[in-house]
Amino acid sequence: MKKKAILAVSFGTSYTETRELTIGAIEKAIGEAFPEYEVFRAFTSQMIIDKLRSRDGLVIDTVREAMEKLVWKGFKEVVVQPTHVMPGEEYDDMMSQVKPFEQQFDSIRYGGPLLGAEQDYLRLRDILISSTQEKLDEHTAMVFMGHGTAHRANIAYHKLGEMFHKAGHSRYFVGTVEAEPDIEASLKAVEGMWVKKVVLQPLMIVAGDHANEDMAGDDENSWKTRFSEKGYQVECIVKGLGEFTEIQEMFVDHVKDALNS
C-alpha cells in the first residue's frame, strides 16, 4: 500500500495556546476526515520558526524541510493543504518550495486557501454573520481586521466586505492592518452608520500579535484605542478563524476537492 501524506502549511504563530486552538484544530480535523493519510505540519514564516526553536525548543519544519522529510520517509501520494486566508505572498512562497519536489511523488495535489473560489467567500461570509449576529443590534457595527498585503490577493478583503453589504448586512466591515482598507477607512465607514458600539474581531487564522496588540491592545494606535477615542463602546473578540468548527470544515472540504480534482 502506498504511503499517503497531507502537508498542512500555515504561516505560523508564536502564541502557544492559539496555535493549538487554530492550526492544531485544523490539522486534527483534516486527520480525522482522512485517516488513511498521515498529517504533517510546516510553517512559512521563518521568523516564527526561529523564535519557537530558540524560545521553546520547538522544531517546526519549513515547507522545503517537510517535503524533504516526505521523500525520505517514502510517501508516494501527497496533498499540500495551506491554511492561509488567501493566495498571497505566503501561498506563493509555499508553492515555490513545493514545486521542485513534484517529480519525486507518484501524485501531488494542492488544496486551496480559505478564500479562492466564489463559494468560499459566500461560505465564510455566512459563517461570520451566523457567529456574530447575537452581538449586533441597530446601534452596533461589526469590524473584522485582516492582515493586508501588497500582493494582488489583497482584493479579497474588498470582495468580502462588498459581499456583506450586498447581502444587506450594512453594519459589517472589513479592514486591514497593513494595506487597504486601513484603520482610517474603517473609522470613516463606521462613522457614517451612526452606531454607538463597535465589535472588533480578527479575520486571521490565528489570534496572534496582530489580534492581541494591533487590534485589542492598549497602545495608542491599536484599533480598540482608535475606535474608543471616537466615542464608541468597543468589544474585542480575540478569536482566530481557525477556532471555528465551520472554518475547519472548509479546509477539510478543500482537501476533498484536491483529491477529487
C-alpha atoms as a PDB file:
ATOM      1  CA  MET A   1       0.000   0.000   0.000  1.00  0.00           C
ATOM      2  CA  LYS A   2       1.302   3.437  -0.962  1.00  0.00           C
ATOM      3  CA  LYS A   3       2.129   5.791   1.876  1.00  0.00           C
ATOM      4  CA  LYS A   4      -0.064   8.901   1.821  1.00  0.00           C
ATOM      5  CA  ALA A   5       0.515  12.255   3.474  1.00  0.00           C
ATOM      6  CA  ILE A   6      -1.214  15.603   3.868  1.00  0.00           C
ATOM      7  CA  LEU A   7       1.091  18.538   4.486  1.00  0.00           C
ATOM      8  CA  ALA A   8      -0.756  21.317   6.299  1.00  0.00           C
ATOM      9  CA  VAL A   9       1.079  24.568   5.617  1.00  0.00           C
ATOM     10  CA  SER A  10       0.450  27.580   7.857  1.00  0.00           C
ATOM     11  CA  PHE A  11       2.029  30.983   8.302  1.00  0.00           C
ATOM     12  CA  GLY A  12       2.547  30.029  11.940  1.00  0.00           C
ATOM     13  CA  THR A  13       2.310  31.741  15.324  1.00  0.00           C
ATOM     14  CA  SER A  14       4.445  32.029  18.446  1.00  0.00           C
ATOM     15  CA  TYR A  15       1.324  32.071  20.652  1.00  0.00           C
ATOM     16  CA  THR A  16       1.198  28.523  22.021  1.00  0.00           C
ATOM     17  CA  GLU A  17      -2.439  28.465  23.151  1.00  0.00           C
ATOM     18  CA  THR A  18      -3.943  29.875  19.979  1.00  0.00           C
ATOM     19  CA  ARG A  19      -1.652  27.682  17.854  1.00  0.00           C
ATOM     20  CA  GLU A  20      -3.323  24.526  19.139  1.00  0.00           C
ATOM     21  CA  LEU A  21      -6.815  26.053  19.123  1.00  0.00           C
ATOM     22  CA  THR A  22      -6.465  27.071  15.474  1.00  0.00           C
ATOM     23  CA  ILE A  23      -3.698  25.458  13.419  1.00  0.00           C
ATOM     24  CA  GLY A  24      -3.730  22.363  15.595  1.00  0.00           C
ATOM     25  CA  ALA A  25      -7.521  22.110  15.396  1.00  0.00           C
ATOM     26  CA  ILE A  26      -7.486  22.400  11.601  1.00  0.00           C
ATOM     27  CA  GLU A  27      -4.826  19.703  11.342  1.00  0.00           C
ATOM     28  CA  LYS A  28      -6.808  17.465  13.696  1.00  0.00           C
ATOM     29  CA  ALA A  29      -9.994  17.913  11.666  1.00  0.00           C
ATOM     30  CA  ILE A  30      -8.127  17.023   8.477  1.00  0.00           C
ATOM     31  CA  GLY A  31      -6.559  13.966  10.111  1.00  0.00           C
ATOM     32  CA  GLU A  32      -9.926  12.721  11.365  1.00  0.00           C
ATOM     33  CA  ALA A  33     -11.522  13.222   7.956  1.00  0.00           C
ATOM     34  CA  PHE A  34      -8.732  11.360   6.139  1.00  0.00           C
ATOM     35  CA  PRO A  35      -7.470   8.600   8.477  1.00  0.00           C
ATOM     36  CA  GLU A  36      -5.608   6.862   5.649  1.00  0.00           C
ATOM     37  CA  TYR A  37      -3.321   9.913   5.371  1.00  0.00           C
ATOM     38  CA  GLU A  38      -0.599  10.972   7.803  1.00  0.00           C
ATOM     39  CA  VAL A  39      -0.762  14.709   8.542  1.00  0.00           C
ATOM     40  CA  PHE A  40       2.410  16.788   8.714  1.00  0.00           C
ATOM     41  CA  ARG A  41       2.949  20.450   9.672  1.00  0.00           C
ATOM     42  CA  ALA A  42       5.041  23.186   8.055  1.00  0.00           C
ATOM     43  CA  PHE A  43       5.207  26.960   8.599  1.00  0.00           C
ATOM     44  CA  THR A  44       6.054  29.587   6.008  1.00  0.00           C
ATOM     45  CA  SER A  45       7.261  32.222   8.499  1.00  0.00           C
ATOM     46  CA  GLN A  46      10.969  31.733   9.123  1.00  0.00           C
ATOM     47  CA  MET A  47      10.833  34.350  11.873  1.00  0.00           C
ATOM     48  CA  ILE A  48       8.268  32.321  13.810  1.00  0.00           C
ATOM     49  CA  ILE A  49      10.136  29.061  13.178  1.00  0.00           C
ATOM     50  CA  ASP A  50      13.334  30.612  14.558  1.00  0.00           C
ATOM     51  CA  LYS A  51      11.542  32.128  17.564  1.00  0.00           C
ATOM     52  CA  LEU A  52       9.888  28.843  18.537  1.00  0.00           C
ATOM     53  CA  ARG A  53      13.190  26.995  18.232  1.00  0.00           C
ATOM     54  CA  SER A  54      15.156  29.465  20.383  1.00  0.00           C
ATOM     55  CA  ARG A  55      12.442  30.265  22.920  1.00  0.00           C
ATOM     56  CA  ASP A  56      10.661  26.932  23.340  1.00  0.00           C
ATOM     57  CA  GLY A  57      12.969  24.365  21.791  1.00  0.00           C
ATOM     58  CA  LEU A  58      10.114  23.552  19.418  1.00  0.00           C
ATOM     59  CA  VAL A  59      11.220  22.490  15.940  1.00  0.00           C
ATOM     60  CA  ILE A  60       8.788  23.253  13.091  1.00  0.00           C
ATOM     61  CA  ASP A  61       9.697  22.392   9.502  1.00  0.00           C
ATOM     62  CA  THR A  62       9.841  24.868   6.685  1.00  0.00           C
ATOM     63  CA  VAL A  63       7.917  23.732   3.603  1.00  0.00           C
ATOM     64  CA  ARG A  64      11.134  22.609   1.936  1.00  0.00           C
ATOM     65  CA  GLU A  65      12.216  20.634   5.010  1.00  0.00           C
ATOM     66  CA  ALA A  66       8.814  18.986   5.224  1.00  0.00           C
ATOM     67  CA  MET A  67       8.918  17.969   1.564  1.00  0.00           C
ATOM     68  CA  GLU A  68      12.401  16.516   2.019  1.00  0.00           C
ATOM     69  CA  LYS A  69      11.110  14.539   5.001  1.00  0.00           C
ATOM     70  CA  LEU A  70       8.180  13.153   2.978  1.00  0.00           C
ATOM     71  CA  VAL A  71      10.556  11.996   0.244  1.00  0.00           C
ATOM     72  CA  TRP A  72      12.925  10.441   2.771  1.00  0.00           C
ATOM     73  CA  LYS A  73      10.078   8.604   4.542  1.00  0.00           C
ATOM     74  CA  GLY A  74       8.852   7.105   1.281  1.00  0.00           C
ATOM     75  CA  PHE A  75       5.487   8.796   0.859  1.00  0.00           C
ATOM     76  CA  LYS A  76       4.113   8.399  -2.653  1.00  0.00           C
ATOM     77  CA  GLU A  77       0.862  10.388  -2.595  1.00  0.00           C
ATOM     78  CA  VAL A  78       0.832  13.891  -1.112  1.00  0.00           C
ATOM     79  CA  VAL A  79      -1.770  16.600  -0.659  1.00  0.00           C
ATOM     80  CA  VAL A  80      -0.461  20.069   0.190  1.00  0.00           C
ATOM     81  CA  GLN A  81      -3.136  21.993   2.074  1.00  0.00           C
ATOM     82  CA  PRO A  82      -2.428  25.610   3.049  1.00  0.00           C
ATOM     83  CA  THR A  83      -4.288  27.238   5.917  1.00  0.00           C
ATOM     84  CA  HIS A  84      -3.624  30.729   4.569  1.00  0.00           C
ATOM     85  CA  VAL A  85      -6.610  33.050   4.210  1.00  0.00           C
ATOM     86  CA  MET A  86      -5.856  33.846   0.564  1.00  0.00           C
ATOM     87  CA  PRO A  87      -3.357  33.015  -2.184  1.00  0.00           C
ATOM     88  CA  GLY A  88      -0.953  35.824  -1.314  1.00  0.00           C
ATOM     89  CA  GLU A  89       2.812  36.050  -0.748  1.00  0.00           C
ATOM     90  CA  GLU A  90       2.941  33.213   1.782  1.00  0.00           C
ATOM     91  CA  TYR A  91       0.973  30.966  -0.558  1.00  0.00           C
ATOM     92  CA  ASP A  92       3.307  31.820  -3.438  1.00  0.00           C
ATOM     93  CA  ASP A  93       6.298  31.075  -1.221  1.00  0.00           C
ATOM     94  CA  MET A  94       4.781  27.713  -0.326  1.00  0.00           C
ATOM     95  CA  MET A  95       4.262  26.802  -3.964  1.00  0.00           C
ATOM     96  CA  SER A  96       7.811  27.795  -4.913  1.00  0.00           C
ATOM     97  CA  GLN A  97       9.185  25.455  -2.241  1.00  0.00           C
ATOM     98  CA  VAL A  98       6.937  22.531  -3.195  1.00  0.00           C
ATOM     99  CA  LYS A  99       7.264  22.625  -6.991  1.00  0.00           C
ATOM    100  CA  PRO A 100      10.847  21.236  -7.152  1.00  0.00           C
ATOM    101  CA  PHE A 101       9.668  18.045  -5.416  1.00  0.00           C
ATOM    102  CA  GLU A 102       6.713  17.227  -7.678  1.00  0.00           C
ATOM    103  CA  GLN A 103       8.569  14.606  -9.721  1.00  0.00           C
ATOM    104  CA  GLN A 104       9.544  12.674  -6.595  1.00  0.00           C
ATOM    105  CA  PHE A 105       5.986  11.525  -5.847  1.00  0.00           C
ATOM    106  CA  ASP A 106       3.501   9.390  -7.742  1.00  0.00           C
ATOM    107  CA  SER A 107       0.949  12.157  -7.214  1.00  0.00           C
ATOM    108  CA  ILE A 108       0.857  15.533  -5.535  1.00  0.00           C
ATOM    109  CA  ARG A 109      -2.304  17.596  -5.246  1.00  0.00           C
ATOM    110  CA  TYR A 110      -2.971  21.077  -3.914  1.00  0.00           C
ATOM    111  CA  GLY A 111      -5.835  22.247  -1.744  1.00  0.00           C
ATOM    112  CA  GLY A 112      -6.877  25.883  -1.922  1.00  0.00           C
ATOM    113  CA  PRO A 113      -6.504  28.533   0.800  1.00  0.00           C
ATOM    114  CA  LEU A 114      -9.547  29.607   2.797  1.00  0.00           C
ATOM    115  CA  LEU A 115     -10.636  32.083   0.135  1.00  0.00           C
ATOM    116  CA  GLY A 116     -10.287  31.189  -3.523  1.00  0.00           C
ATOM    117  CA  ALA A 117     -13.488  30.276  -5.327  1.00  0.00           C
ATOM    118  CA  GLU A 118     -16.646  32.394  -5.164  1.00  0.00           C
ATOM    119  CA  GLN A 119     -18.343  29.813  -2.964  1.00  0.00           C
ATOM    120  CA  ASP A 120     -15.540  30.205  -0.391  1.00  0.00           C
ATOM    121  CA  TYR A 121     -16.385  33.871   0.065  1.00  0.00           C
ATOM    122  CA  LEU A 122     -20.091  33.156   0.373  1.00  0.00           C
ATOM    123  CA  ARG A 123     -19.448  30.400   2.879  1.00  0.00           C
ATOM    124  CA  LEU A 124     -17.096  32.490   5.015  1.00  0.00           C
ATOM    125  CA  ARG A 125     -19.494  35.444   4.911  1.00  0.00           C
ATOM    126  CA  ASP A 126     -22.339  33.285   6.182  1.00  0.00           C
ATOM    127  CA  ILE A 127     -20.177  31.733   8.922  1.00  0.00           C
ATOM    128  CA  LEU A 128     -19.107  35.163  10.178  1.00  0.00           C
ATOM    129  CA  ILE A 129     -22.652  36.507  10.104  1.00  0.00           C
ATOM    130  CA  SER A 130     -24.049  33.478  11.910  1.00  0.00           C
ATOM    131  CA  SER A 131     -21.367  33.569  14.610  1.00  0.00           C
ATOM    132  CA  THR A 132     -21.755  37.292  15.361  1.00  0.00           C
ATOM    133  CA  GLN A 133     -25.462  38.049  14.924  1.00  0.00           C
ATOM    134  CA  GLU A 134     -26.106  37.925  18.664  1.00  0.00           C
ATOM    135  CA  LYS A 135     -23.556  40.728  19.100  1.00  0.00           C
ATOM    136  CA  LEU A 136     -25.353  43.123  16.785  1.00  0.00           C
ATOM    137  CA  ASP A 137     -28.313  45.427  17.174  1.00  0.00           C
ATOM    138  CA  GLU A 138     -29.172  48.662  15.396  1.00  0.00           C
ATOM    139  CA  HIS A 139     -26.575  50.528  17.474  1.00  0.00           C
ATOM    140  CA  THR A 140     -23.627  48.177  16.814  1.00  0.00           C
ATOM    141  CA  ALA A 141     -21.140  47.710  13.958  1.00  0.00           C
ATOM    142  CA  MET A 142     -19.003  44.624  13.323  1.00  0.00           C
ATOM    143  CA  VAL A 143     -15.445  45.240  12.086  1.00  0.00           C
ATOM    144  CA  PHE A 144     -13.179  42.391  11.005  1.00  0.00           C
ATOM    145  CA  MET A 145      -9.448  43.096  10.984  1.00  0.00           C
ATOM    146  CA  GLY A 146      -7.413  41.267   8.320  1.00  0.00           C
ATOM    147  CA  HIS A 147      -3.667  41.332   7.859  1.00  0.00           C
ATOM    148  CA  GLY A 148      -3.460  43.052   4.482  1.00  0.00           C
ATOM    149  CA  THR A 149      -0.789  42.682   1.821  1.00  0.00           C
ATOM    150  CA  ALA A 150       0.821  44.490  -1.098  1.00  0.00           C
ATOM    151  CA  HIS A 151       0.081  41.346  -3.108  1.00  0.00           C
ATOM    152  CA  ARG A 152      -2.764  41.476  -5.609  1.00  0.00           C
ATOM    153  CA  ALA A 153      -4.599  38.961  -3.392  1.00  0.00           C
ATOM    154  CA  ASN A 154      -5.440  41.881  -1.064  1.00  0.00           C
ATOM    155  CA  ILE A 155      -8.550  42.353  -3.213  1.00  0.00           C
ATOM    156  CA  ALA A 156     -10.051  39.520  -1.133  1.00  0.00           C
ATOM    157  CA  TYR A 157     -10.742  41.927   1.741  1.00  0.00           C
ATOM    158  CA  HIS A 158     -12.588  44.344  -0.502  1.00  0.00           C
ATOM    159  CA  LYS A 159     -14.579  41.496  -2.036  1.00  0.00           C
ATOM    160  CA  LEU A 160     -15.635  40.057   1.319  1.00  0.00           C
ATOM    161  CA  GLY A 161     -16.684  43.499   2.548  1.00  0.00           C
ATOM    162  CA  GLU A 162     -18.800  44.025  -0.542  1.00  0.00           C
ATOM    163  CA  MET A 163     -20.440  40.642  -0.055  1.00  0.00           C
ATOM    164  CA  PHE A 164     -21.616  41.624   3.421  1.00  0.00           C
ATOM    165  CA  HIS A 165     -23.227  44.762   2.085  1.00  0.00           C
ATOM    166  CA  LYS A 166     -24.783  43.103  -0.961  1.00  0.00           C
ATOM    167  CA  ALA A 167     -26.410  40.610   1.400  1.00  0.00           C
ATOM    168  CA  GLY A 168     -27.971  43.500   3.326  1.00  0.00           C
ATOM    169  CA  HIS A 169     -25.557  43.492   6.261  1.00  0.00           C
ATOM    170  CA  SER A 170     -24.578  47.143   6.059  1.00  0.00           C
ATOM    171  CA  ARG A 171     -23.003  47.287   9.536  1.00  0.00           C
ATOM    172  CA  TYR A 172     -20.369  44.642   8.734  1.00  0.00           C
ATOM    173  CA  PHE A 173     -16.961  45.952   7.671  1.00  0.00           C
ATOM    174  CA  VAL A 174     -13.581  44.520   6.723  1.00  0.00           C
ATOM    175  CA  GLY A 175     -10.317  46.408   7.291  1.00  0.00           C
ATOM    176  CA  THR A 176      -6.632  45.502   7.307  1.00  0.00           C
ATOM    177  CA  VAL A 177      -3.549  46.273   9.382  1.00  0.00           C
ATOM    178  CA  GLU A 178      -1.027  46.631   6.583  1.00  0.00           C
ATOM    179  CA  ALA A 179      -2.978  47.547   3.432  1.00  0.00           C
ATOM    180  CA  GLU A 180      -6.321  48.892   2.239  1.00  0.00           C
ATOM    181  CA  PRO A 181      -8.922  49.327   3.558  1.00  0.00           C
ATOM    182  CA  ASP A 182      -6.918  50.522   6.573  1.00  0.00           C
ATOM    183  CA  ILE A 183      -7.955  51.726  10.021  1.00  0.00           C
ATOM    184  CA  GLU A 184      -8.730  55.206   8.695  1.00  0.00           C
ATOM    185  CA  ALA A 185     -11.098  53.796   6.076  1.00  0.00           C
ATOM    186  CA  SER A 186     -12.702  51.593   8.729  1.00  0.00           C
ATOM    187  CA  LEU A 187     -13.227  54.525  11.091  1.00  0.00           C
ATOM    188  CA  LYS A 188     -14.776  56.585   8.321  1.00  0.00           C
ATOM    189  CA  ALA A 189     -17.072  53.759   7.220  1.00  0.00           C
ATOM    190  CA  VAL A 190     -18.362  53.136  10.735  1.00  0.00           C
ATOM    191  CA  GLU A 191     -18.776  56.869  11.400  1.00  0.00           C
ATOM    192  CA  GLY A 192     -21.375  57.007   8.641  1.00  0.00           C
ATOM    193  CA  MET A 193     -23.538  54.383  10.340  1.00  0.00           C
ATOM    194  CA  TRP A 194     -24.401  56.363  13.497  1.00  0.00           C
ATOM    195  CA  VAL A 195     -23.681  53.447  15.825  1.00  0.00           C
ATOM    196  CA  LYS A 196     -22.689  53.548  19.479  1.00  0.00           C
ATOM    197  CA  LYS A 197     -20.776  50.281  19.776  1.00  0.00           C
ATOM    198  CA  VAL A 198     -18.120  48.553  17.684  1.00  0.00           C
ATOM    199  CA  VAL A 199     -17.208  44.865  17.907  1.00  0.00           C
ATOM    200  CA  LEU A 200     -13.715  44.010  16.626  1.00  0.00           C
ATOM    201  CA  GLN A 201     -12.674  40.534  15.537  1.00  0.00           C
ATOM    202  CA  PRO A 202      -9.577  39.280  13.673  1.00  0.00           C
ATOM    203  CA  LEU A 203     -10.014  37.995  10.124  1.00  0.00           C
ATOM    204  CA  MET A 204      -6.957  35.788  10.577  1.00  0.00           C
ATOM    205  CA  ILE A 205      -6.498  32.076  11.117  1.00  0.00           C
ATOM    206  CA  VAL A 206      -4.777  32.614  14.469  1.00  0.00           C
ATOM    207  CA  ALA A 207      -5.183  35.288  17.134  1.00  0.00           C
ATOM    208  CA  GLY A 208      -1.527  36.274  17.419  1.00  0.00           C
ATOM    209  CA  ASP A 209       0.339  39.578  17.649  1.00  0.00           C
ATOM    210  CA  HIS A 210      -1.966  41.467  15.304  1.00  0.00           C
ATOM    211  CA  ALA A 211      -5.100  40.384  17.149  1.00  0.00           C
ATOM    212  CA  ASN A 212      -3.716  40.882  20.653  1.00  0.00           C
ATOM    213  CA  GLU A 213      -1.707  44.046  20.042  1.00  0.00           C
ATOM    214  CA  ASP A 214      -2.810  45.867  16.871  1.00  0.00           C
ATOM    215  CA  MET A 215      -6.477  45.120  17.397  1.00  0.00           C
ATOM    216  CA  ALA A 216      -7.133  44.613  21.122  1.00  0.00           C
ATOM    217  CA  GLY A 217      -4.037  46.183  22.687  1.00  0.00           C
ATOM    218  CA  ASP A 218      -3.958  49.317  24.855  1.00  0.00           C
ATOM    219  CA  ASP A 219      -1.406  51.105  22.667  1.00  0.00           C
ATOM    220  CA  GLU A 220      -2.494  54.495  21.344  1.00  0.00           C
ATOM    221  CA  ASN A 221      -2.502  53.159  17.783  1.00  0.00           C
ATOM    222  CA  SER A 222      -4.464  49.976  18.406  1.00  0.00           C
ATOM    223  CA  TRP A 223      -7.833  49.626  16.730  1.00  0.00           C
ATOM    224  CA  LYS A 224      -9.518  49.371  20.135  1.00  0.00           C
ATOM    225  CA  THR A 225      -7.979  52.660  21.206  1.00  0.00           C
ATOM    226  CA  ARG A 226      -8.705  54.429  17.908  1.00  0.00           C
ATOM    227  CA  PHE A 227     -12.388  53.478  17.977  1.00  0.00           C
ATOM    228  CA  SER A 228     -12.659  54.262  21.698  1.00  0.00           C
ATOM    229  CA  GLU A 229     -11.260  57.741  21.083  1.00  0.00           C
ATOM    230  CA  LYS A 230     -14.127  58.320  18.652  1.00  0.00           C
ATOM    231  CA  GLY A 231     -16.565  57.707  21.484  1.00  0.00           C
ATOM    232  CA  TYR A 232     -17.592  54.157  20.650  1.00  0.00           C
ATOM    233  CA  GLN A 233     -18.026  51.408  23.190  1.00  0.00           C
ATOM    234  CA  VAL A 234     -15.607  48.740  21.944  1.00  0.00           C
ATOM    235  CA  GLU A 235     -15.726  44.979  22.409  1.00  0.00           C
ATOM    236  CA  CYS A 236     -12.869  42.792  21.169  1.00  0.00           C
ATOM    237  CA  ILE A 237     -13.327  39.149  20.252  1.00  0.00           C
ATOM    238  CA  VAL A 238      -9.785  37.764  20.286  1.00  0.00           C
ATOM    239  CA  LYS A 239     -10.531  34.549  18.441  1.00  0.00           C
ATOM    240  CA  GLY A 240      -8.769  33.221  15.348  1.00  0.00           C
ATOM    241  CA  LEU A 241     -10.791  31.902  12.420  1.00  0.00           C
ATOM    242  CA  GLY A 242      -9.186  28.505  12.924  1.00  0.00           C
ATOM    243  CA  GLU A 243     -11.119  28.071  16.169  1.00  0.00           C
ATOM    244  CA  PHE A 244     -14.418  27.875  14.303  1.00  0.00           C
ATOM    245  CA  THR A 245     -15.527  24.328  13.521  1.00  0.00           C
ATOM    246  CA  GLU A 246     -17.131  25.617  10.315  1.00  0.00           C
ATOM    247  CA  ILE A 247     -13.792  27.049   9.164  1.00  0.00           C
ATOM    248  CA  GLN A 248     -12.053  23.779   9.939  1.00  0.00           C
ATOM    249  CA  GLU A 249     -14.683  22.070   7.786  1.00  0.00           C
ATOM    250  CA  MET A 250     -13.892  24.449   4.933  1.00  0.00           C
ATOM    251  CA  PHE A 251     -10.284  23.286   4.929  1.00  0.00           C
ATOM    252  CA  VAL A 252     -11.389  19.645   5.088  1.00  0.00           C
ATOM    253  CA  ASP A 253     -13.532  20.293   2.024  1.00  0.00           C
ATOM    254  CA  HIS A 254     -10.576  21.870   0.234  1.00  0.00           C
ATOM    255  CA  VAL A 255      -8.645  18.652   0.778  1.00  0.00           C
ATOM    256  CA  LYS A 256     -11.600  16.719  -0.622  1.00  0.00           C
ATOM    257  CA  ASP A 257     -11.649  18.990  -3.660  1.00  0.00           C
ATOM    258  CA  ALA A 258      -7.933  18.388  -4.183  1.00  0.00           C
ATOM    259  CA  LEU A 259      -8.370  14.621  -4.025  1.00  0.00           C
ATOM    260  CA  ASN A 260     -11.291  14.757  -6.459  1.00  0.00           C
ATOM    261  CA  SER A 261      -9.507  17.030  -8.935  1.00  0.00           C
END
